[in-house]
Amino acid sequence: MNDNPENIQRVRALVEGHVQGVGFRYFTMDQARRLGLSGWVRNLPNGCVEAEAEGPREDLLVFLEALAEGPAGSVVRKVRPEWLPASGEDFSFRVRIFD
């Protein structure tokens, strides 16, 4: 992982499809932790999953590819990424509940 601060970015991804009730949040958390990313993932009331992750851009691209595949049992129709400035927050990747 490249820790060059200029390379650190943040992405918010909205994942559409059959992505709730299939372990998608925990799959997302595992992928993010494997890549050393920080951030969070949560189910939305509309049936989508939302995730926000921060780390090196190349790792975020791998993360987005994993979200597009999803775990067994999921059917991902679309991943909508939104690139954001890095927050610089230092926290692990976690599952959030509706808020």
PDB file of N, CA and C in Angstrom:
ATOM      1  N   MET A   1       0.833  -1.170   0.000  1.00  0.00           N
ATOM      2  CA  MET A   1       0.000   0.000   0.000  1.00  0.00           C
ATOM      3  C   MET A   1       0.878   1.234   0.000  1.00  0.00           C
ATOM      4  N   ASN A   2       0.565   2.207  -0.841  1.00  0.00           N
ATOM      5  CA  ASN A   2       1.307   3.454  -0.929  1.00  0.00           C
ATOM      6  C   ASN A   2       0.687   4.463   0.018  1.00  0.00           C
ATOM      7  N   ASP A   3       1.439   4.919   1.033  1.00  0.00           N
ATOM      8  CA  ASP A   3       0.915   5.840   2.024  1.00  0.00           C
ATOM      9  C   ASP A   3       1.222   7.290   1.687  1.00  0.00           C
ATOM     10  N   ASN A   4       1.605   7.587   0.464  1.00  0.00           N
ATOM     11  CA  ASN A   4       1.854   8.953   0.032  1.00  0.00           C
ATOM     12  C   ASN A   4       0.569   9.754   0.200  1.00  0.00           C
ATOM     13  N   PRO A   5       0.570  10.828   1.048  1.00  0.00           N
ATOM     14  CA  PRO A   5      -0.668  11.579   1.306  1.00  0.00           C
ATOM     15  C   PRO A   5      -1.327  12.125   0.044  1.00  0.00           C
ATOM     16  N   GLU A   6      -0.552  12.442  -0.985  1.00  0.00           N
ATOM     17  CA  GLU A   6      -1.138  12.951  -2.226  1.00  0.00           C
ATOM     18  C   GLU A   6      -1.939  11.880  -2.952  1.00  0.00           C
ATOM     19  N   ASN A   7      -1.680  10.620  -2.641  1.00  0.00           N
ATOM     20  CA  ASN A   7      -2.349   9.508  -3.308  1.00  0.00           C
ATOM     21  C   ASN A   7      -3.610   9.062  -2.557  1.00  0.00           C
ATOM     22  N   ILE A   8      -3.813   9.564  -1.337  1.00  0.00           N
ATOM     23  CA  ILE A   8      -4.944   9.139  -0.520  1.00  0.00           C
ATOM     24  C   ILE A   8      -6.202   9.859  -0.996  1.00  0.00           C
ATOM     25  N   GLN A   9      -7.244   9.073  -1.242  1.00  0.00           N
ATOM     26  CA  GLN A   9      -8.518   9.621  -1.694  1.00  0.00           C
ATOM     27  C   GLN A   9      -9.649   8.948  -0.930  1.00  0.00           C
ATOM     28  N   ARG A  10     -10.849   9.430  -1.176  1.00  0.00           N
ATOM     29  CA  ARG A  10     -12.043   8.866  -0.541  1.00  0.00           C
ATOM     30  C   ARG A  10     -13.086   8.650  -1.627  1.00  0.00           C
ATOM     31  N   VAL A  11     -13.801   7.549  -1.525  1.00  0.00           N
ATOM     32  CA  VAL A  11     -14.877   7.278  -2.475  1.00  0.00           C
ATOM     33  C   VAL A  11     -16.115   6.853  -1.704  1.00  0.00           C
ATOM     34  N   ARG A  12     -17.252   7.380  -2.133  1.00  0.00           N
ATOM     35  CA  ARG A  12     -18.552   6.930  -1.626  1.00  0.00           C
ATOM     36  C   ARG A  12     -19.182   6.124  -2.751  1.00  0.00           C
ATOM     37  N   ALA A  13     -19.666   4.942  -2.437  1.00  0.00           N
ATOM     38  CA  ALA A  13     -20.256   4.074  -3.455  1.00  0.00           C
ATOM     39  C   ALA A  13     -21.670   3.697  -3.049  1.00  0.00           C
ATOM     40  N   LEU A  14     -22.581   3.862  -3.979  1.00  0.00           N
ATOM     41  CA  LEU A  14     -23.953   3.405  -3.811  1.00  0.00           C
ATOM     42  C   LEU A  14     -24.093   2.142  -4.650  1.00  0.00           C
ATOM     43  N   VAL A  15     -24.438   1.040  -4.008  1.00  0.00           N
ATOM     44  CA  VAL A  15     -24.525  -0.252  -4.685  1.00  0.00           C
ATOM     45  C   VAL A  15     -25.998  -0.632  -4.807  1.00  0.00           C
ATOM     46  N   GLU A  16     -26.428  -0.844  -6.046  1.00  0.00           N
ATOM     47  CA  GLU A  16     -27.825  -1.180  -6.328  1.00  0.00           C
ATOM     48  C   GLU A  16     -27.942  -2.628  -6.768  1.00  0.00           C
ATOM     49  N   GLY A  17     -29.067  -3.237  -6.451  1.00  0.00           N
ATOM     50  CA  GLY A  17     -29.338  -4.617  -6.843  1.00  0.00           C
ATOM     51  C   GLY A  17     -29.876  -5.392  -5.656  1.00  0.00           C
ATOM     52  N   HIS A  18     -29.704  -6.701  -5.708  1.00  0.00           N
ATOM     53  CA  HIS A  18     -30.084  -7.566  -4.576  1.00  0.00           C
ATOM     54  C   HIS A  18     -28.858  -7.641  -3.671  1.00  0.00           C
ATOM     55  N   VAL A  19     -28.746  -6.644  -2.773  1.00  0.00           N
ATOM     56  CA  VAL A  19     -27.530  -6.510  -1.975  1.00  0.00           C
ATOM     57  C   VAL A  19     -27.798  -6.459  -0.465  1.00  0.00           C
ATOM     58  N   GLN A  20     -29.034  -6.673  -0.055  1.00  0.00           N
ATOM     59  CA  GLN A  20     -29.338  -6.750   1.374  1.00  0.00           C
ATOM     60  C   GLN A  20     -29.814  -8.162   1.700  1.00  0.00           C
ATOM     61  N   GLY A  21     -29.426  -8.627   2.881  1.00  0.00           N
ATOM     62  CA  GLY A  21     -29.811  -9.966   3.311  1.00  0.00           C
ATOM     63  C   GLY A  21     -28.939 -11.060   2.722  1.00  0.00           C
ATOM     64  N   VAL A  22     -27.796 -10.678   2.152  1.00  0.00           N
ATOM     65  CA  VAL A  22     -26.899 -11.658   1.517  1.00  0.00           C
ATOM     66  C   VAL A  22     -25.464 -11.534   2.045  1.00  0.00           C
ATOM     67  N   GLY A  23     -25.273 -10.815   3.153  1.00  0.00           N
ATOM     68  CA  GLY A  23     -23.936 -10.653   3.724  1.00  0.00           C
ATOM     69  C   GLY A  23     -23.093  -9.602   3.022  1.00  0.00           C
ATOM     70  N   PHE A  24     -23.742  -8.706   2.295  1.00  0.00           N
ATOM     71  CA  PHE A  24     -22.991  -7.727   1.499  1.00  0.00           C
ATOM     72  C   PHE A  24     -22.181  -6.781   2.374  1.00  0.00           C
ATOM     73  N   ARG A  25     -22.748  -6.322   3.492  1.00  0.00           N
ATOM     74  CA  ARG A  25     -22.003  -5.391   4.351  1.00  0.00           C
ATOM     75  C   ARG A  25     -20.747  -6.052   4.913  1.00  0.00           C
ATOM     76  N   TYR A  26     -20.845  -7.297   5.324  1.00  0.00           N
ATOM     77  CA  TYR A  26     -19.681  -7.960   5.909  1.00  0.00           C
ATOM     78  C   TYR A  26     -18.659  -8.320   4.834  1.00  0.00           C
ATOM     79  N   PHE A  27     -19.125  -8.651   3.649  1.00  0.00           N
ATOM     80  CA  PHE A  27     -18.237  -8.843   2.506  1.00  0.00           C
ATOM     81  C   PHE A  27     -17.463  -7.547   2.239  1.00  0.00           C
ATOM     82  N   THR A  28     -18.188  -6.416   2.242  1.00  0.00           N
ATOM     83  CA  THR A  28     -17.565  -5.112   2.001  1.00  0.00           C
ATOM     84  C   THR A  28     -16.530  -4.800   3.068  1.00  0.00           C
ATOM     85  N   MET A  29     -16.870  -5.047   4.318  1.00  0.00           N
ATOM     86  CA  MET A  29     -15.941  -4.801   5.418  1.00  0.00           C
ATOM     87  C   MET A  29     -14.691  -5.664   5.268  1.00  0.00           C
ATOM     88  N   ASP A  30     -14.854  -6.933   4.922  1.00  0.00           N
ATOM     89  CA  ASP A  30     -13.708  -7.819   4.733  1.00  0.00           C
ATOM     90  C   ASP A  30     -12.808  -7.330   3.605  1.00  0.00           C
ATOM     91  N   GLN A  31     -13.406  -6.912   2.498  1.00  0.00           N
ATOM     92  CA  GLN A  31     -12.620  -6.418   1.366  1.00  0.00           C
ATOM     93  C   GLN A  31     -11.842  -5.159   1.758  1.00  0.00           C
ATOM     94  N   ALA A  32     -12.505  -4.242   2.442  1.00  0.00           N
ATOM     95  CA  ALA A  32     -11.852  -2.997   2.856  1.00  0.00           C
ATOM     96  C   ALA A  32     -10.711  -3.269   3.827  1.00  0.00           C
ATOM     97  N   ARG A  33     -10.939  -4.124   4.781  1.00  0.00           N
ATOM     98  CA  ARG A  33      -9.883  -4.440   5.752  1.00  0.00           C
ATOM     99  C   ARG A  33      -8.712  -5.143   5.077  1.00  0.00           C
ATOM    100  N   ARG A  34      -8.996  -6.024   4.137  1.00  0.00           N
ATOM    101  CA  ARG A  34      -7.933  -6.715   3.397  1.00  0.00           C
ATOM    102  C   ARG A  34      -7.048  -5.717   2.661  1.00  0.00           C
ATOM    103  N   LEU A  35      -7.663  -4.630   2.170  1.00  0.00           N
ATOM    104  CA  LEU A  35      -6.936  -3.597   1.420  1.00  0.00           C
ATOM    105  C   LEU A  35      -6.371  -2.498   2.321  1.00  0.00           C
ATOM    106  N   GLY A  36      -6.663  -2.557   3.613  1.00  0.00           N
ATOM    107  CA  GLY A  36      -6.156  -1.553   4.547  1.00  0.00           C
ATOM    108  C   GLY A  36      -6.878  -0.212   4.457  1.00  0.00           C
ATOM    109  N   LEU A  37      -8.147  -0.239   4.029  1.00  0.00           N
ATOM    110  CA  LEU A  37      -8.918   0.991   3.879  1.00  0.00           C
ATOM    111  C   LEU A  37      -9.668   1.309   5.171  1.00  0.00           C
ATOM    112  N   SER A  38      -9.944   2.577   5.378  1.00  0.00           N
ATOM    113  CA  SER A  38     -10.810   2.979   6.482  1.00  0.00           C
ATOM    114  C   SER A  38     -12.152   3.395   5.905  1.00  0.00           C
ATOM    115  N   GLY A  39     -13.178   3.450   6.756  1.00  0.00           N
ATOM    116  CA  GLY A  39     -14.482   3.883   6.280  1.00  0.00           C
ATOM    117  C   GLY A  39     -15.615   3.113   6.916  1.00  0.00           C
ATOM    118  N   TRP A  40     -16.710   2.990   6.181  1.00  0.00           N
ATOM    119  CA  TRP A  40     -17.910   2.353   6.713  1.00  0.00           C
ATOM    120  C   TRP A  40     -18.791   1.842   5.577  1.00  0.00           C
ATOM    121  N   VAL A  41     -19.760   1.012   5.966  1.00  0.00           N
ATOM    122  CA  VAL A  41     -20.761   0.482   5.033  1.00  0.00           C
ATOM    123  C   VAL A  41     -22.076   0.367   5.789  1.00  0.00           C
ATOM    124  N   ARG A  42     -23.185   0.602   5.092  1.00  0.00           N
ATOM    125  CA  ARG A  42     -24.498   0.479   5.719  1.00  0.00           C
ATOM    126  C   ARG A  42     -25.557   0.154   4.680  1.00  0.00           C
ATOM    127  N   ASN A  43     -26.634  -0.488   5.158  1.00  0.00           N
ATOM    128  CA  ASN A  43     -27.831  -0.690   4.345  1.00  0.00           C
ATOM    129  C   ASN A  43     -28.627   0.611   4.344  1.00  0.00           C
ATOM    130  N   LEU A  44     -29.280   0.901   3.231  1.00  0.00           N
ATOM    131  CA  LEU A  44     -30.173   2.045   3.138  1.00  0.00           C
ATOM    132  C   LEU A  44     -31.614   1.553   3.084  1.00  0.00           C
ATOM    133  N   PRO A  45     -32.547   2.376   3.523  1.00  0.00           N
ATOM    134  CA  PRO A  45     -33.958   1.957   3.516  1.00  0.00           C
ATOM    135  C   PRO A  45     -34.488   1.617   2.123  1.00  0.00           C
ATOM    136  N   ASN A  46     -33.876   2.132   1.073  1.00  0.00           N
ATOM    137  CA  ASN A  46     -34.356   1.878  -0.301  1.00  0.00           C
ATOM    138  C   ASN A  46     -33.847   0.562  -0.881  1.00  0.00           C
ATOM    139  N   GLY A  47     -33.123  -0.246  -0.083  1.00  0.00           N
ATOM    140  CA  GLY A  47     -32.632  -1.540  -0.551  1.00  0.00           C
ATOM    141  C   GLY A  47     -31.213  -1.516  -1.080  1.00  0.00           C
ATOM    142  N   CYS A  48     -30.611  -0.348  -1.185  1.00  0.00           N
ATOM    143  CA  CYS A  48     -29.223  -0.222  -1.643  1.00  0.00           C
ATOM    144  C   CYS A  48     -28.272  -0.365  -0.460  1.00  0.00           C
ATOM    145  N   VAL A  49     -27.010  -0.509  -0.773  1.00  0.00           N
ATOM    146  CA  VAL A  49     -25.947  -0.473   0.221  1.00  0.00           C
ATOM    147  C   VAL A  49     -25.076   0.731  -0.114  1.00  0.00           C
ATOM    148  N   GLU A  50     -24.694   1.484   0.915  1.00  0.00           N
ATOM    149  CA  GLU A  50     -23.815   2.635   0.748  1.00  0.00           C
ATOM    150  C   GLU A  50     -22.520   2.353   1.490  1.00  0.00           C
ATOM    151  N   ALA A  51     -21.402   2.648   0.859  1.00  0.00           N
ATOM    152  CA  ALA A  51     -20.101   2.472   1.497  1.00  0.00           C
ATOM    153  C   ALA A  51     -19.248   3.695   1.221  1.00  0.00           C
ATOM    154  N   GLU A  52     -18.416   4.032   2.190  1.00  0.00           N
ATOM    155  CA  GLU A  52     -17.454   5.101   2.013  1.00  0.00           C
ATOM    156  C   GLU A  52     -16.115   4.556   2.479  1.00  0.00           C
ATOM    157  N   ALA A  53     -15.088   4.720   1.643  1.00  0.00           N
ATOM    158  CA  ALA A  53     -13.777   4.176   1.976  1.00  0.00           C
ATOM    159  C   ALA A  53     -12.698   5.185   1.627  1.00  0.00           C
ATOM    160  N   GLU A  54     -11.611   5.141   2.394  1.00  0.00           N
ATOM    161  CA  GLU A  54     -10.486   6.048   2.173  1.00  0.00           C
ATOM    162  C   GLU A  54      -9.192   5.260   2.160  1.00  0.00           C
ATOM    163  N   GLY A  55      -8.323   5.631   1.232  1.00  0.00           N
ATOM    164  CA  GLY A  55      -7.027   4.992   1.112  1.00  0.00           C
ATOM    165  C   GLY A  55      -6.413   5.353  -0.221  1.00  0.00           C
ATOM    166  N   PRO A  56      -5.349   4.663  -0.602  1.00  0.00           N
ATOM    167  CA  PRO A  56      -4.723   4.925  -1.894  1.00  0.00           C
ATOM    168  C   PRO A  56      -5.693   4.641  -3.050  1.00  0.00           C
ATOM    169  N   ARG A  57      -5.659   5.486  -4.070  1.00  0.00           N
ATOM    170  CA  ARG A  57      -6.596   5.371  -5.183  1.00  0.00           C
ATOM    171  C   ARG A  57      -6.578   3.973  -5.809  1.00  0.00           C
ATOM    172  N   GLU A  58      -5.396   3.392  -5.983  1.00  0.00           N
ATOM    173  CA  GLU A  58      -5.341   2.070  -6.623  1.00  0.00           C
ATOM    174  C   GLU A  58      -6.054   1.015  -5.784  1.00  0.00           C
ATOM    175  N   ASP A  59      -5.994   1.139  -4.448  1.00  0.00           N
ATOM    176  CA  ASP A  59      -6.710   0.205  -3.578  1.00  0.00           C
ATOM    177  C   ASP A  59      -8.212   0.465  -3.619  1.00  0.00           C
ATOM    178  N   LEU A  60      -8.600   1.725  -3.743  1.00  0.00           N
ATOM    179  CA  LEU A  60     -10.025   2.056  -3.856  1.00  0.00           C
ATOM    180  C   LEU A  60     -10.609   1.505  -5.153  1.00  0.00           C
ATOM    181  N   LEU A  61      -9.826   1.506  -6.216  1.00  0.00           N
ATOM    182  CA  LEU A  61     -10.303   0.939  -7.484  1.00  0.00           C
ATOM    183  C   LEU A  61     -10.518  -0.567  -7.353  1.00  0.00           C
ATOM    184  N   VAL A  62      -9.615  -1.261  -6.655  1.00  0.00           N
ATOM    185  CA  VAL A  62      -9.779  -2.698  -6.395  1.00  0.00           C
ATOM    186  C   VAL A  62     -11.026  -2.927  -5.535  1.00  0.00           C
ATOM    187  N   PHE A  63     -11.232  -2.061  -4.543  1.00  0.00           N
ATOM    188  CA  PHE A  63     -12.406  -2.128  -3.679  1.00  0.00           C
ATOM    189  C   PHE A  63     -13.694  -1.996  -4.493  1.00  0.00           C
ATOM    190  N   LEU A  64     -13.742  -1.026  -5.398  1.00  0.00           N
ATOM    191  CA  LEU A  64     -14.924  -0.836  -6.240  1.00  0.00           C
ATOM    192  C   LEU A  64     -15.180  -2.048  -7.133  1.00  0.00           C
ATOM    193  N   GLU A  65     -14.117  -2.653  -7.643  1.00  0.00           N
ATOM    194  CA  GLU A  65     -14.270  -3.879  -8.450  1.00  0.00           C
ATOM    195  C   GLU A  65     -14.884  -4.993  -7.606  1.00  0.00           C
ATOM    196  N   ALA A  66     -14.441  -5.110  -6.352  1.00  0.00           N
ATOM    197  CA  ALA A  66     -14.995  -6.143  -5.466  1.00  0.00           C
ATOM    198  C   ALA A  66     -16.472  -5.878  -5.196  1.00  0.00           C
ATOM    199  N   LEU A  67     -16.840  -4.610  -4.991  1.00  0.00           N
ATOM    200  CA  LEU A  67     -18.250  -4.282  -4.767  1.00  0.00           C
ATOM    201  C   LEU A  67     -19.088  -4.644  -5.986  1.00  0.00           C
ATOM    202  N   ALA A  68     -18.556  -4.462  -7.168  1.00  0.00           N
ATOM    203  CA  ALA A  68     -19.284  -4.787  -8.395  1.00  0.00           C
ATOM    204  C   ALA A  68     -19.521  -6.287  -8.525  1.00  0.00           C
ATOM    205  N   GLU A  69     -18.650  -7.084  -7.946  1.00  0.00           N
ATOM    206  CA  GLU A  69     -18.823  -8.548  -7.952  1.00  0.00           C
ATOM    207  C   GLU A  69     -19.771  -8.982  -6.835  1.00  0.00           C
ATOM    208  N   GLY A  70     -19.529  -8.470  -5.616  1.00  0.00           N
ATOM    209  CA  GLY A  70     -20.342  -8.827  -4.464  1.00  0.00           C
ATOM    210  C   GLY A  70     -20.120 -10.246  -4.004  1.00  0.00           C
ATOM    211  N   PRO A  71     -20.711 -10.606  -2.864  1.00  0.00           N
ATOM    212  CA  PRO A  71     -20.592 -11.973  -2.354  1.00  0.00           C
ATOM    213  C   PRO A  71     -21.552 -12.909  -3.079  1.00  0.00           C
ATOM    214  N   ALA A  72     -21.357 -14.201  -2.884  1.00  0.00           N
ATOM    215  CA  ALA A  72     -22.291 -15.185  -3.431  1.00  0.00           C
ATOM    216  C   ALA A  72     -23.684 -14.879  -2.900  1.00  0.00           C
ATOM    217  N   GLY A  73     -24.666 -14.971  -3.764  1.00  0.00           N
ATOM    218  CA  GLY A  73     -26.042 -14.703  -3.373  1.00  0.00           C
ATOM    219  C   GLY A  73     -26.493 -13.291  -3.681  1.00  0.00           C
ATOM    220  N   SER A  74     -25.548 -12.398  -3.939  1.00  0.00           N
ATOM    221  CA  SER A  74     -25.926 -11.033  -4.288  1.00  0.00           C
ATOM    222  C   SER A  74     -26.029 -10.900  -5.807  1.00  0.00           C
ATOM    223  N   VAL A  75     -26.770  -9.899  -6.232  1.00  0.00           N
ATOM    224  CA  VAL A  75     -26.855  -9.552  -7.650  1.00  0.00           C
ATOM    225  C   VAL A  75     -26.669  -8.040  -7.728  1.00  0.00           C
ATOM    226  N   VAL A  76     -25.483  -7.617  -8.129  1.00  0.00           N
ATOM    227  CA  VAL A  76     -25.171  -6.189  -8.212  1.00  0.00           C
ATOM    228  C   VAL A  76     -25.554  -5.699  -9.598  1.00  0.00           C
ATOM    229  N   ARG A  77     -26.464  -4.731  -9.631  1.00  0.00           N
ATOM    230  CA  ARG A  77     -26.858  -4.120 -10.908  1.00  0.00           C
ATOM    231  C   ARG A  77     -25.969  -2.943 -11.263  1.00  0.00           C
ATOM    232  N   LYS A  78     -25.584  -2.170 -10.255  1.00  0.00           N
ATOM    233  CA  LYS A  78     -24.808  -0.968 -10.540  1.00  0.00           C
ATOM    234  C   LYS A  78     -24.074  -0.521  -9.282  1.00  0.00           C
ATOM    235  N   VAL A  79     -22.854  -0.016  -9.483  1.00  0.00           N
ATOM    236  CA  VAL A  79     -22.098   0.652  -8.425  1.00  0.00           C
ATOM    237  C   VAL A  79     -21.877   2.080  -8.900  1.00  0.00           C
ATOM    238  N   ARG A  80     -22.351   3.023  -8.090  1.00  0.00           N
ATOM    239  CA  ARG A  80     -22.223   4.447  -8.429  1.00  0.00           C
ATOM    240  C   ARG A  80     -21.186   5.081  -7.505  1.00  0.00           C
ATOM    241  N   PRO A  81     -19.948   5.267  -7.990  1.00  0.00           N
ATOM    242  CA  PRO A  81     -18.926   5.889  -7.143  1.00  0.00           C
ATOM    243  C   PRO A  81     -18.976   7.415  -7.231  1.00  0.00           C
ATOM    244  N   GLU A  82     -18.673   8.043  -6.124  1.00  0.00           N
ATOM    245  CA  GLU A  82     -18.519   9.498  -6.055  1.00  0.00           C
ATOM    246  C   GLU A  82     -17.187   9.763  -5.361  1.00  0.00           C
ATOM    247  N   TRP A  83     -16.254  10.382  -6.063  1.00  0.00           N
ATOM    248  CA  TRP A  83     -14.933  10.652  -5.499  1.00  0.00           C
ATOM    249  C   TRP A  83     -14.993  11.913  -4.652  1.00  0.00           C
ATOM    250  N   LEU A  84     -14.416  11.830  -3.457  1.00  0.00           N
ATOM    251  CA  LEU A  84     -14.453  12.911  -2.474  1.00  0.00           C
ATOM    252  C   LEU A  84     -13.044  13.227  -1.999  1.00  0.00           C
ATOM    253  N   PRO A  85     -12.843  14.401  -1.416  1.00  0.00           N
ATOM    254  CA  PRO A  85     -11.538  14.686  -0.812  1.00  0.00           C
ATOM    255  C   PRO A  85     -11.313  13.761   0.382  1.00  0.00           C
ATOM    256  N   ALA A  86     -10.086  13.406   0.612  1.00  0.00           N
ATOM    257  CA  ALA A  86      -9.756  12.574   1.777  1.00  0.00           C
ATOM    258  C   ALA A  86     -10.086  13.337   3.050  1.00  0.00           C
ATOM    259  N   SER A  87     -10.615  12.628   4.039  1.00  0.00           N
ATOM    260  CA  SER A  87     -10.983  13.268   5.300  1.00  0.00           C
ATOM    261  C   SER A  87      -9.826  13.284   6.280  1.00  0.00           C
ATOM    262  N   GLY A  88      -8.899  12.348   6.115  1.00  0.00           N
ATOM    263  CA  GLY A  88      -7.775  12.250   7.036  1.00  0.00           C
ATOM    264  C   GLY A  88      -8.136  11.595   8.353  1.00  0.00           C
ATOM    265  N   GLU A  89      -9.388  11.150   8.483  1.00  0.00           N
ATOM    266  CA  GLU A  89      -9.790  10.467   9.708  1.00  0.00           C
ATOM    267  C   GLU A  89      -9.050   9.148   9.809  1.00  0.00           C
ATOM    268  N   ASP A  90      -8.667   8.806  11.001  1.00  0.00           N
ATOM    269  CA  ASP A  90      -7.946   7.555  11.220  1.00  0.00           C
ATOM    270  C   ASP A  90      -8.849   6.618  12.003  1.00  0.00           C
ATOM    271  N   PHE A  91      -9.580   5.765  11.281  1.00  0.00           N
ATOM    272  CA  PHE A  91     -10.437   4.785  11.935  1.00  0.00           C
ATOM    273  C   PHE A  91     -10.477   3.533  11.070  1.00  0.00           C
ATOM    274  N   SER A  92     -10.902   2.459  11.680  1.00  0.00           N
ATOM    275  CA  SER A  92     -10.996   1.209  10.929  1.00  0.00           C
ATOM    276  C   SER A  92     -12.257   1.200  10.087  1.00  0.00           C
ATOM    277  N   PHE A  93     -12.420   0.169   9.320  1.00  0.00           N
ATOM    278  CA  PHE A  93     -13.630   0.021   8.509  1.00  0.00           C
ATOM    279  C   PHE A  93     -14.673  -0.665   9.357  1.00  0.00           C
ATOM    280  N   ARG A  94     -15.895  -0.133   9.339  1.00  0.00           N
ATOM    281  CA  ARG A  94     -16.937  -0.667  10.208  1.00  0.00           C
ATOM    282  C   ARG A  94     -18.299  -0.718   9.495  1.00  0.00           C
ATOM    283  N   VAL A  95     -19.179  -1.519  10.047  1.00  0.00           N
ATOM    284  CA  VAL A  95     -20.566  -1.600   9.574  1.00  0.00           C
ATOM    285  C   VAL A  95     -21.380  -0.609  10.405  1.00  0.00           C
ATOM    286  N   ARG A  96     -22.180   0.190   9.722  1.00  0.00           N
ATOM    287  CA  ARG A  96     -23.062   1.143  10.402  1.00  0.00           C
ATOM    288  C   ARG A  96     -24.506   0.689  10.228  1.00  0.00           C
ATOM    289  N   ILE A  97     -25.361   1.147  11.128  1.00  0.00           N
ATOM    290  CA  ILE A  97     -26.790   0.912  10.985  1.00  0.00           C
ATOM    291  C   ILE A  97     -27.414   2.183  10.416  1.00  0.00           C
ATOM    292  N   PHE A  98     -28.678   2.123  10.050  1.00  0.00           N
ATOM    293  CA  PHE A  98     -29.365   3.318   9.543  1.00  0.00           C
ATOM    294  C   PHE A  98     -29.151   4.459  10.506  1.00  0.00           C
ATOM    295  N   ASP A  99     -28.907   5.654   9.967  1.00  0.00           N
ATOM    296  CA  ASP A  99     -28.836   6.831  10.835  1.00  0.00           C
ATOM    297  C   ASP A  99     -29.305   8.053  10.102  1.00  0.00           C
TER     298      ASP A  99
END
